[in-house]
């Protein structure tokens, strides 16, 4: 929507969503501080480094900070992702990450949209497809298998991670995660997505949404966005945030999301 102020949204995103630990912290996950960084370990595919800003760290001090993260996770035998945003300072941070052995992956666009208009949208699905909220491990394993089919590799880490998040929030009156699947009347899983409700902020965040190729361009992704917007509205969250792929970005823009910055995972994988 044109009346959304990008600078205001980016500032809110930085202040409310960056450098936040999972709430509640799933079993097996630990959170540590190293200067301006938040270091999260014990995740399914390794560790994660994030920050709101680097507090003016520059030059040799910055190089030492980067290498310290690399070596910390290398000692654990885990890969680590440094989440770099397009407006991060200093400007030479990408070069310093690469010099330390971090490899950039596909850039995504951070997009933010208003919940109200999206929640008012009627999800329209192809005939014979329905949406269903899931928590059972068998359904989460199917999501992992779907991920493997679409992207390749092993999707077990995703099923395990979602299961641990669901277990961590099970005792709460309002669990912080809702997982939704799109499946056919015959029981075929064709897409899956989830929404995280970030306590103490104005944001719910959207994840997943990958769809089997033969079911794409039929409104399933849009329906999943609208469905999760309704869930966010019920919880009182006025804004949705998503890291959008190049495929998803034009769909989300048509739905009223605006781009506020970019994010690129810089990943270090220790040698066996």
C-alpha atoms as a PDB file:
ATOM      1  CA  UNK A   1       0.000   0.000   0.000  1.00  0.00           C
ATOM      2  CA  UNK A   2       1.407   3.366  -1.012  1.00  0.00           C
ATOM      3  CA  UNK A   3       0.643   5.043   2.347  1.00  0.00           C
ATOM      4  CA  UNK A   4       3.017   2.735   4.219  1.00  0.00           C
ATOM      5  CA  UNK A   5       6.178   4.659   5.140  1.00  0.00           C
ATOM      6  CA  UNK A   6       9.169   2.483   4.286  1.00  0.00           C
ATOM      7  CA  UNK A   7      11.551   4.288   6.637  1.00  0.00           C
ATOM      8  CA  UNK A   8       9.143   3.957   9.568  1.00  0.00           C
ATOM      9  CA  UNK A   9       8.583   0.286   8.831  1.00  0.00           C
ATOM     10  CA  UNK A  10      12.316  -0.417   8.526  1.00  0.00           C
ATOM     11  CA  UNK A  11      12.949   1.300  11.852  1.00  0.00           C
ATOM     12  CA  UNK A  12      10.199  -0.765  13.493  1.00  0.00           C
ATOM     13  CA  UNK A  13      11.611  -3.932  11.937  1.00  0.00           C
ATOM     14  CA  UNK A  14      15.105  -3.187  13.247  1.00  0.00           C
ATOM     15  CA  UNK A  15      13.866  -2.315  16.731  1.00  0.00           C
ATOM     16  CA  UNK A  16      11.285  -5.057  17.192  1.00  0.00           C
ATOM     17  CA  UNK A  17      12.369  -8.099  15.186  1.00  0.00           C
ATOM     18  CA  UNK A  18      16.141  -8.111  14.987  1.00  0.00           C
ATOM     19  CA  UNK A  19      18.403  -9.686  17.623  1.00  0.00           C
ATOM     20  CA  UNK A  20      15.501 -11.403  19.370  1.00  0.00           C
ATOM     21  CA  UNK A  21      15.885 -14.859  20.905  1.00  0.00           C
ATOM     22  CA  UNK A  22      13.132 -17.417  20.315  1.00  0.00           C
ATOM     23  CA  UNK A  23      10.316 -17.030  22.857  1.00  0.00           C
ATOM     24  CA  UNK A  24      10.029 -19.502  24.474  1.00  0.00           C
ATOM     25  CA  UNK A  25      13.414 -21.075  23.747  1.00  0.00           C
ATOM     26  CA  UNK A  26      12.927 -24.629  22.389  1.00  0.00           C
ATOM     27  CA  UNK A  27      14.578 -27.551  24.128  1.00  0.00           C
ATOM     28  CA  UNK A  28      18.192 -27.984  23.069  1.00  0.00           C
ATOM     29  CA  UNK A  29      18.588 -24.394  21.844  1.00  0.00           C
ATOM     30  CA  UNK A  30      20.927 -22.005  23.631  1.00  0.00           C
ATOM     31  CA  UNK A  31      21.241 -18.230  23.251  1.00  0.00           C
ATOM     32  CA  UNK A  32      24.428 -16.283  23.981  1.00  0.00           C
ATOM     33  CA  UNK A  33      25.658 -12.711  23.597  1.00  0.00           C
ATOM     34  CA  UNK A  34      28.992 -11.790  22.069  1.00  0.00           C
ATOM     35  CA  UNK A  35      29.256  -8.017  22.064  1.00  0.00           C
ATOM     36  CA  UNK A  36      26.524  -6.675  19.755  1.00  0.00           C
ATOM     37  CA  UNK A  37      25.735 -10.156  18.427  1.00  0.00           C
ATOM     38  CA  UNK A  38      23.076 -12.626  19.472  1.00  0.00           C
ATOM     39  CA  UNK A  39      24.360 -16.158  18.889  1.00  0.00           C
ATOM     40  CA  UNK A  40      21.803 -18.960  18.708  1.00  0.00           C
ATOM     41  CA  UNK A  41      22.921 -22.575  18.604  1.00  0.00           C
ATOM     42  CA  UNK A  42      21.320 -25.992  18.719  1.00  0.00           C
ATOM     43  CA  UNK A  43      19.075 -25.355  15.714  1.00  0.00           C
ATOM     44  CA  UNK A  44      18.434 -28.125  13.222  1.00  0.00           C
ATOM     45  CA  UNK A  45      20.903 -26.985  10.566  1.00  0.00           C
ATOM     46  CA  UNK A  46      23.486 -25.339  12.772  1.00  0.00           C
ATOM     47  CA  UNK A  47      23.764 -21.921  14.341  1.00  0.00           C
ATOM     48  CA  UNK A  48      22.596 -18.409  13.656  1.00  0.00           C
ATOM     49  CA  UNK A  49      24.097 -14.969  14.290  1.00  0.00           C
ATOM     50  CA  UNK A  50      21.981 -11.838  14.315  1.00  0.00           C
ATOM     51  CA  UNK A  51      22.112  -8.283  15.676  1.00  0.00           C
ATOM     52  CA  UNK A  52      20.260  -4.991  15.609  1.00  0.00           C
ATOM     53  CA  UNK A  53      23.440  -3.131  14.679  1.00  0.00           C
ATOM     54  CA  UNK A  54      27.151  -3.603  15.293  1.00  0.00           C
ATOM     55  CA  UNK A  55      27.503  -0.693  17.764  1.00  0.00           C
ATOM     56  CA  UNK A  56      30.181   0.960  15.646  1.00  0.00           C
ATOM     57  CA  UNK A  57      32.488  -2.071  15.557  1.00  0.00           C
ATOM     58  CA  UNK A  58      34.881  -1.594  12.623  1.00  0.00           C
ATOM     59  CA  UNK A  59      38.173  -2.733  11.129  1.00  0.00           C
ATOM     60  CA  UNK A  60      40.293  -5.275  12.975  1.00  0.00           C
ATOM     61  CA  UNK A  61      37.818  -5.490  15.844  1.00  0.00           C
ATOM     62  CA  UNK A  62      35.076  -6.453  13.402  1.00  0.00           C
ATOM     63  CA  UNK A  63      37.290  -9.059  11.742  1.00  0.00           C
ATOM     64  CA  UNK A  64      37.994 -10.581  15.150  1.00  0.00           C
ATOM     65  CA  UNK A  65      34.274 -10.652  15.971  1.00  0.00           C
ATOM     66  CA  UNK A  66      33.489 -12.447  12.701  1.00  0.00           C
ATOM     67  CA  UNK A  67      36.287 -14.977  13.111  1.00  0.00           C
ATOM     68  CA  UNK A  68      35.204 -15.640  16.696  1.00  0.00           C
ATOM     69  CA  UNK A  69      31.765 -16.726  15.475  1.00  0.00           C
ATOM     70  CA  UNK A  70      33.259 -18.872  12.741  1.00  0.00           C
ATOM     71  CA  UNK A  71      35.637 -20.607  15.119  1.00  0.00           C
ATOM     72  CA  UNK A  72      32.984 -21.067  17.803  1.00  0.00           C
ATOM     73  CA  UNK A  73      30.726 -23.045  15.503  1.00  0.00           C
ATOM     74  CA  UNK A  74      33.596 -24.831  13.779  1.00  0.00           C
ATOM     75  CA  UNK A  75      34.598 -26.197  17.177  1.00  0.00           C
ATOM     76  CA  UNK A  76      31.058 -27.551  17.513  1.00  0.00           C
ATOM     77  CA  UNK A  77      31.193 -29.024  14.027  1.00  0.00           C
ATOM     78  CA  UNK A  78      28.213 -26.883  12.979  1.00  0.00           C
ATOM     79  CA  UNK A  79      27.620 -24.469  10.155  1.00  0.00           C
ATOM     80  CA  UNK A  80      26.597 -20.936  11.074  1.00  0.00           C
ATOM     81  CA  UNK A  81      24.553 -18.302   9.270  1.00  0.00           C
ATOM     82  CA  UNK A  82      25.309 -14.595   9.620  1.00  0.00           C
ATOM     83  CA  UNK A  83      22.148 -12.743   8.598  1.00  0.00           C
ATOM     84  CA  UNK A  84      23.261  -9.643   6.697  1.00  0.00           C
ATOM     85  CA  UNK A  85      20.800  -6.873   5.860  1.00  0.00           C
ATOM     86  CA  UNK A  86      21.105  -4.496   2.938  1.00  0.00           C
ATOM     87  CA  UNK A  87      21.243  -1.407   5.164  1.00  0.00           C
ATOM     88  CA  UNK A  88      23.774  -2.811   7.640  1.00  0.00           C
ATOM     89  CA  UNK A  89      26.971  -0.907   8.392  1.00  0.00           C
ATOM     90  CA  UNK A  90      29.850  -0.861   7.733  1.00  0.00           C
ATOM     91  CA  UNK A  91      29.616  -0.999   3.945  1.00  0.00           C
ATOM     92  CA  UNK A  92      32.543  -3.410   3.703  1.00  0.00           C
ATOM     93  CA  UNK A  93      30.914  -6.017   5.968  1.00  0.00           C
ATOM     94  CA  UNK A  94      30.155  -8.406   3.046  1.00  0.00           C
ATOM     95  CA  UNK A  95      33.816  -8.401   2.003  1.00  0.00           C
ATOM     96  CA  UNK A  96      34.943  -9.059   5.570  1.00  0.00           C
ATOM     97  CA  UNK A  97      32.522 -11.984   5.884  1.00  0.00           C
ATOM     98  CA  UNK A  98      33.762 -13.516   2.642  1.00  0.00           C
ATOM     99  CA  UNK A  99      37.368 -13.081   3.754  1.00  0.00           C
ATOM    100  CA  UNK A 100      36.564 -15.127   6.848  1.00  0.00           C
ATOM    101  CA  UNK A 101      35.124 -17.952   4.739  1.00  0.00           C
ATOM    102  CA  UNK A 102      31.420 -17.072   4.851  1.00  0.00           C
ATOM    103  CA  UNK A 103      29.611 -17.731   1.557  1.00  0.00           C
ATOM    104  CA  UNK A 104      26.578 -15.649   0.491  1.00  0.00           C
ATOM    105  CA  UNK A 105      23.389 -17.490  -0.408  1.00  0.00           C
ATOM    106  CA  UNK A 106      20.354 -16.200  -2.294  1.00  0.00           C
ATOM    107  CA  UNK A 107      19.285 -12.699  -1.330  1.00  0.00           C
ATOM    108  CA  UNK A 108      15.699 -12.185  -0.172  1.00  0.00           C
ATOM    109  CA  UNK A 109      13.593  -9.067   0.294  1.00  0.00           C
ATOM    110  CA  UNK A 110      12.258  -8.085   3.703  1.00  0.00           C
ATOM    111  CA  UNK A 111       8.610  -7.132   3.151  1.00  0.00           C
ATOM    112  CA  UNK A 112       5.996  -5.763   5.536  1.00  0.00           C
ATOM    113  CA  UNK A 113       2.246  -5.558   5.033  1.00  0.00           C
ATOM    114  CA  UNK A 114      -0.840  -4.499   7.002  1.00  0.00           C
ATOM    115  CA  UNK A 115      -2.860  -7.291   8.582  1.00  0.00           C
ATOM    116  CA  UNK A 116      -6.296  -5.684   8.244  1.00  0.00           C
ATOM    117  CA  UNK A 117      -6.779  -5.673   4.453  1.00  0.00           C
ATOM    118  CA  UNK A 118      -5.165  -9.098   4.127  1.00  0.00           C
ATOM    119  CA  UNK A 119      -7.335 -10.604   6.845  1.00  0.00           C
ATOM    120  CA  UNK A 120     -10.406  -9.281   5.028  1.00  0.00           C
ATOM    121  CA  UNK A 121      -9.406 -11.183   1.894  1.00  0.00           C
ATOM    122  CA  UNK A 122     -11.289 -14.421   1.302  1.00  0.00           C
ATOM    123  CA  UNK A 123      -8.830 -17.274   0.738  1.00  0.00           C
ATOM    124  CA  UNK A 124      -9.688 -18.816  -2.635  1.00  0.00           C
ATOM    125  CA  UNK A 125      -8.294 -22.318  -3.146  1.00  0.00           C
ATOM    126  CA  UNK A 126      -8.365 -24.660  -6.138  1.00  0.00           C
ATOM    127  CA  UNK A 127     -11.204 -27.144  -6.112  1.00  0.00           C
ATOM    128  CA  UNK A 128     -10.363 -30.118  -3.930  1.00  0.00           C
ATOM    129  CA  UNK A 129      -7.743 -28.300  -1.800  1.00  0.00           C
ATOM    130  CA  UNK A 130      -8.228 -27.271   1.820  1.00  0.00           C
ATOM    131  CA  UNK A 131      -6.198 -25.616   4.571  1.00  0.00           C
ATOM    132  CA  UNK A 132      -5.639 -27.274   7.928  1.00  0.00           C
ATOM    133  CA  UNK A 133      -3.737 -26.308  11.065  1.00  0.00           C
ATOM    134  CA  UNK A 134      -1.398 -29.058  12.279  1.00  0.00           C
ATOM    135  CA  UNK A 135       0.655 -29.927  15.344  1.00  0.00           C
ATOM    136  CA  UNK A 136       1.103 -33.720  15.094  1.00  0.00           C
ATOM    137  CA  UNK A 137       4.597 -35.015  14.411  1.00  0.00           C
ATOM    138  CA  UNK A 138       3.326 -37.103  11.495  1.00  0.00           C
ATOM    139  CA  UNK A 139       2.146 -33.932   9.745  1.00  0.00           C
ATOM    140  CA  UNK A 140       5.413 -32.144  10.507  1.00  0.00           C
ATOM    141  CA  UNK A 141       7.337 -35.076   9.019  1.00  0.00           C
ATOM    142  CA  UNK A 142       5.231 -34.704   5.870  1.00  0.00           C
ATOM    143  CA  UNK A 143       6.245 -31.033   5.749  1.00  0.00           C
ATOM    144  CA  UNK A 144       9.878 -32.102   5.959  1.00  0.00           C
ATOM    145  CA  UNK A 145       9.326 -34.525   3.086  1.00  0.00           C
ATOM    146  CA  UNK A 146       7.612 -31.806   1.044  1.00  0.00           C
ATOM    147  CA  UNK A 147      10.586 -29.519   1.624  1.00  0.00           C
ATOM    148  CA  UNK A 148      12.940 -32.247   0.423  1.00  0.00           C
ATOM    149  CA  UNK A 149      10.905 -32.757  -2.748  1.00  0.00           C
ATOM    150  CA  UNK A 150      10.790 -29.028  -3.573  1.00  0.00           C
ATOM    151  CA  UNK A 151      14.286 -27.930  -2.554  1.00  0.00           C
ATOM    152  CA  UNK A 152      16.254 -31.164  -2.362  1.00  0.00           C
ATOM    153  CA  UNK A 153      18.333 -32.274   0.589  1.00  0.00           C
ATOM    154  CA  UNK A 154      17.089 -33.591   3.914  1.00  0.00           C
ATOM    155  CA  UNK A 155      14.002 -31.918   5.392  1.00  0.00           C
ATOM    156  CA  UNK A 156      14.140 -33.774   8.716  1.00  0.00           C
ATOM    157  CA  UNK A 157      15.737 -30.743  10.376  1.00  0.00           C
ATOM    158  CA  UNK A 158      12.651 -28.677   9.588  1.00  0.00           C
ATOM    159  CA  UNK A 159      10.208 -31.196  11.027  1.00  0.00           C
ATOM    160  CA  UNK A 160      12.321 -31.522  14.163  1.00  0.00           C
ATOM    161  CA  UNK A 161      12.648 -27.758  14.571  1.00  0.00           C
ATOM    162  CA  UNK A 162       8.914 -27.147  14.200  1.00  0.00           C
ATOM    163  CA  UNK A 163       8.174 -29.980  16.631  1.00  0.00           C
ATOM    164  CA  UNK A 164      10.465 -28.451  19.253  1.00  0.00           C
ATOM    165  CA  UNK A 165       8.881 -25.022  18.810  1.00  0.00           C
ATOM    166  CA  UNK A 166       5.395 -26.448  19.168  1.00  0.00           C
ATOM    167  CA  UNK A 167       6.413 -28.385  22.274  1.00  0.00           C
ATOM    168  CA  UNK A 168       7.995 -25.280  23.831  1.00  0.00           C
ATOM    169  CA  UNK A 169       4.781 -23.290  23.398  1.00  0.00           C
ATOM    170  CA  UNK A 170       2.307 -26.042  24.226  1.00  0.00           C
ATOM    171  CA  UNK A 171       1.772 -24.923  27.822  1.00  0.00           C
ATOM    172  CA  UNK A 172       1.075 -21.305  26.891  1.00  0.00           C
ATOM    173  CA  UNK A 173      -2.425 -19.885  26.545  1.00  0.00           C
ATOM    174  CA  UNK A 174      -1.420 -18.516  23.135  1.00  0.00           C
ATOM    175  CA  UNK A 175       1.250 -20.660  21.467  1.00  0.00           C
ATOM    176  CA  UNK A 176       3.743 -18.546  19.484  1.00  0.00           C
ATOM    177  CA  UNK A 177       3.549 -20.667  16.312  1.00  0.00           C
ATOM    178  CA  UNK A 178       0.782 -21.891  14.019  1.00  0.00           C
ATOM    179  CA  UNK A 179       1.564 -24.326  11.210  1.00  0.00           C
ATOM    180  CA  UNK A 180      -0.853 -24.582   8.277  1.00  0.00           C
ATOM    181  CA  UNK A 181      -0.861 -27.086   5.417  1.00  0.00           C
ATOM    182  CA  UNK A 182      -2.652 -27.113   2.074  1.00  0.00           C
ATOM    183  CA  UNK A 183      -3.688 -30.598   1.074  1.00  0.00           C
ATOM    184  CA  UNK A 184      -5.984 -32.238  -1.437  1.00  0.00           C
ATOM    185  CA  UNK A 185      -9.104 -34.197  -0.607  1.00  0.00           C
ATOM    186  CA  UNK A 186      -7.038 -37.280  -1.441  1.00  0.00           C
ATOM    187  CA  UNK A 187      -4.560 -36.354   1.313  1.00  0.00           C
ATOM    188  CA  UNK A 188      -1.683 -35.077  -0.839  1.00  0.00           C
ATOM    189  CA  UNK A 189       0.287 -32.316   0.859  1.00  0.00           C
ATOM    190  CA  UNK A 190       0.883 -29.559  -1.717  1.00  0.00           C
ATOM    191  CA  UNK A 191       2.116 -26.630   0.411  1.00  0.00           C
ATOM    192  CA  UNK A 192       2.887 -25.711   4.010  1.00  0.00           C
ATOM    193  CA  UNK A 193       3.458 -22.427   5.830  1.00  0.00           C
ATOM    194  CA  UNK A 194       3.622 -21.122   9.360  1.00  0.00           C
ATOM    195  CA  UNK A 195       3.241 -17.894  11.285  1.00  0.00           C
ATOM    196  CA  UNK A 196       5.147 -16.806  14.373  1.00  0.00           C
ATOM    197  CA  UNK A 197       3.567 -14.279  16.733  1.00  0.00           C
ATOM    198  CA  UNK A 198       6.367 -12.159  18.177  1.00  0.00           C
ATOM    199  CA  UNK A 199       5.481 -11.140  21.745  1.00  0.00           C
ATOM    200  CA  UNK A 200       5.877  -7.506  22.703  1.00  0.00           C
ATOM    201  CA  UNK A 201       5.918  -6.328  19.070  1.00  0.00           C
ATOM    202  CA  UNK A 202       3.457  -5.269  16.388  1.00  0.00           C
ATOM    203  CA  UNK A 203       4.580  -8.115  14.134  1.00  0.00           C
ATOM    204  CA  UNK A 204       3.596 -11.608  13.178  1.00  0.00           C
ATOM    205  CA  UNK A 205       6.126 -13.173  10.809  1.00  0.00           C
ATOM    206  CA  UNK A 206       5.394 -15.480   7.866  1.00  0.00           C
ATOM    207  CA  UNK A 207       7.515 -18.482   6.887  1.00  0.00           C
ATOM    208  CA  UNK A 208       7.380 -21.329   4.397  1.00  0.00           C
ATOM    209  CA  UNK A 209       4.829 -21.313   1.618  1.00  0.00           C
ATOM    210  CA  UNK A 210       6.754 -23.446  -0.882  1.00  0.00           C
ATOM    211  CA  UNK A 211       4.314 -25.260  -3.170  1.00  0.00           C
ATOM    212  CA  UNK A 212       4.656 -28.309  -5.379  1.00  0.00           C
ATOM    213  CA  UNK A 213       5.381 -27.139  -8.951  1.00  0.00           C
ATOM    214  CA  UNK A 214       2.216 -28.567 -10.507  1.00  0.00           C
ATOM    215  CA  UNK A 215       0.077 -26.682  -7.948  1.00  0.00           C
ATOM    216  CA  UNK A 216       1.689 -23.259  -8.375  1.00  0.00           C
ATOM    217  CA  UNK A 217      -0.063 -20.194  -9.843  1.00  0.00           C
ATOM    218  CA  UNK A 218      -3.416 -21.457  -8.581  1.00  0.00           C
ATOM    219  CA  UNK A 219      -3.838 -19.186  -5.562  1.00  0.00           C
ATOM    220  CA  UNK A 220      -2.550 -21.486  -2.818  1.00  0.00           C
ATOM    221  CA  UNK A 221       0.256 -19.176  -1.670  1.00  0.00           C
ATOM    222  CA  UNK A 222      -2.114 -16.183  -1.581  1.00  0.00           C
ATOM    223  CA  UNK A 223      -4.670 -18.200   0.370  1.00  0.00           C
ATOM    224  CA  UNK A 224      -2.045 -19.195   2.928  1.00  0.00           C
ATOM    225  CA  UNK A 225      -1.072 -15.542   3.373  1.00  0.00           C
ATOM    226  CA  UNK A 226      -4.704 -14.495   3.881  1.00  0.00           C
ATOM    227  CA  UNK A 227      -5.364 -17.347   6.310  1.00  0.00           C
ATOM    228  CA  UNK A 228      -2.349 -16.463   8.445  1.00  0.00           C
ATOM    229  CA  UNK A 229      -3.297 -12.778   8.337  1.00  0.00           C
ATOM    230  CA  UNK A 230      -6.620 -13.733   9.920  1.00  0.00           C
ATOM    231  CA  UNK A 231      -4.798 -15.631  12.645  1.00  0.00           C
ATOM    232  CA  UNK A 232      -2.583 -12.601  13.298  1.00  0.00           C
ATOM    233  CA  UNK A 233      -5.583 -10.282  13.433  1.00  0.00           C
ATOM    234  CA  UNK A 234      -7.252 -12.457  16.074  1.00  0.00           C
ATOM    235  CA  UNK A 235      -4.072 -12.185  18.163  1.00  0.00           C
ATOM    236  CA  UNK A 236      -4.014  -8.381  17.774  1.00  0.00           C
ATOM    237  CA  UNK A 237      -0.941  -8.042  15.543  1.00  0.00           C
ATOM    238  CA  UNK A 238      -1.325  -5.225  12.971  1.00  0.00           C
ATOM    239  CA  UNK A 239       1.685  -6.012  10.764  1.00  0.00           C
ATOM    240  CA  UNK A 240       3.047  -9.020   8.880  1.00  0.00           C
ATOM    241  CA  UNK A 241       6.705  -9.469   7.944  1.00  0.00           C
ATOM    242  CA  UNK A 242       8.216 -11.967   5.535  1.00  0.00           C
ATOM    243  CA  UNK A 243      11.622 -12.631   3.950  1.00  0.00           C
ATOM    244  CA  UNK A 244      10.464 -13.000   0.366  1.00  0.00           C
ATOM    245  CA  UNK A 245      12.102 -14.886  -2.470  1.00  0.00           C
ATOM    246  CA  UNK A 246      12.108 -13.382  -5.943  1.00  0.00           C
ATOM    247  CA  UNK A 247       9.165 -15.648  -6.781  1.00  0.00           C
ATOM    248  CA  UNK A 248       7.110 -14.525  -3.782  1.00  0.00           C
ATOM    249  CA  UNK A 249       7.927 -10.823  -3.890  1.00  0.00           C
ATOM    250  CA  UNK A 250       5.592  -9.823  -6.770  1.00  0.00           C
ATOM    251  CA  UNK A 251       2.705 -11.775  -5.235  1.00  0.00           C
ATOM    252  CA  UNK A 252       3.203 -10.078  -1.886  1.00  0.00           C
ATOM    253  CA  UNK A 253       3.460  -6.634  -3.480  1.00  0.00           C
ATOM    254  CA  UNK A 254       0.107  -7.192  -5.158  1.00  0.00           C
ATOM    255  CA  UNK A 255      -1.281  -8.083  -1.733  1.00  0.00           C
ATOM    256  CA  UNK A 256      -0.099  -4.771  -0.255  1.00  0.00           C
ATOM    257  CA  UNK A 257       3.329  -5.613   1.164  1.00  0.00           C
ATOM    258  CA  UNK A 258       6.165  -3.144   0.685  1.00  0.00           C
ATOM    259  CA  UNK A 259       9.912  -3.910   0.520  1.00  0.00           C
ATOM    260  CA  UNK A 260      11.922  -2.272   3.313  1.00  0.00           C
ATOM    261  CA  UNK A 261      15.395  -3.842   2.936  1.00  0.00           C
ATOM    262  CA  UNK A 262      17.104  -7.037   1.796  1.00  0.00           C
ATOM    263  CA  UNK A 263      18.614  -9.925   3.699  1.00  0.00           C
ATOM    264  CA  UNK A 264      21.368 -12.278   2.588  1.00  0.00           C
ATOM    265  CA  UNK A 265      22.459 -15.358   4.539  1.00  0.00           C
ATOM    266  CA  UNK A 266      26.240 -15.587   4.789  1.00  0.00           C
ATOM    267  CA  UNK A 267      27.013 -19.193   5.728  1.00  0.00           C
ATOM    268  CA  UNK A 268      30.190 -20.764   7.028  1.00  0.00           C
ATOM    269  CA  UNK A 269      30.375 -24.550   6.809  1.00  0.00           C
ATOM    270  CA  UNK A 270      33.287 -26.173   8.648  1.00  0.00           C
ATOM    271  CA  UNK A 271      35.292 -28.764   6.759  1.00  0.00           C
ATOM    272  CA  UNK A 272      34.593 -32.382   7.779  1.00  0.00           C
END
